[in-house]
Amino acid sequence: MLAATLENGLRVLLQEDHRSPIVSFQMWYRVGSRNEARGANRRLTATLTLPAGQHQYAFVVDGHAGPRSRRPAIDDGFGRRNSVLTL
């Protein structure tokens, strides 16, 4: 993993993984509500409108991707398993 701090103080972490042809971009902020208790759980959420069909996803925790255990999972064709959501 490559770590660097830019002149403006932004810390950049780069980890390349050539096992599958995808790109993942994440931006994390070390901020919280001024009324939030110190050490409180900070959760980022997103709302997506997905078309009907089958959608694959995986969670990445500490650099390890995997399916969610309570959802059906399928092989992604690259030696990993993805959770499946069918709408």
Foldseek 3Di string as FASTA:
>chain_A
DDWDADPVRDIDDDDDDPLDPDDDDDDDDPDDDPPDDPPDDDDDDDDDDDDAAKDWAWDADPRDTAEDVVADWDDPVRPYITGIDGD
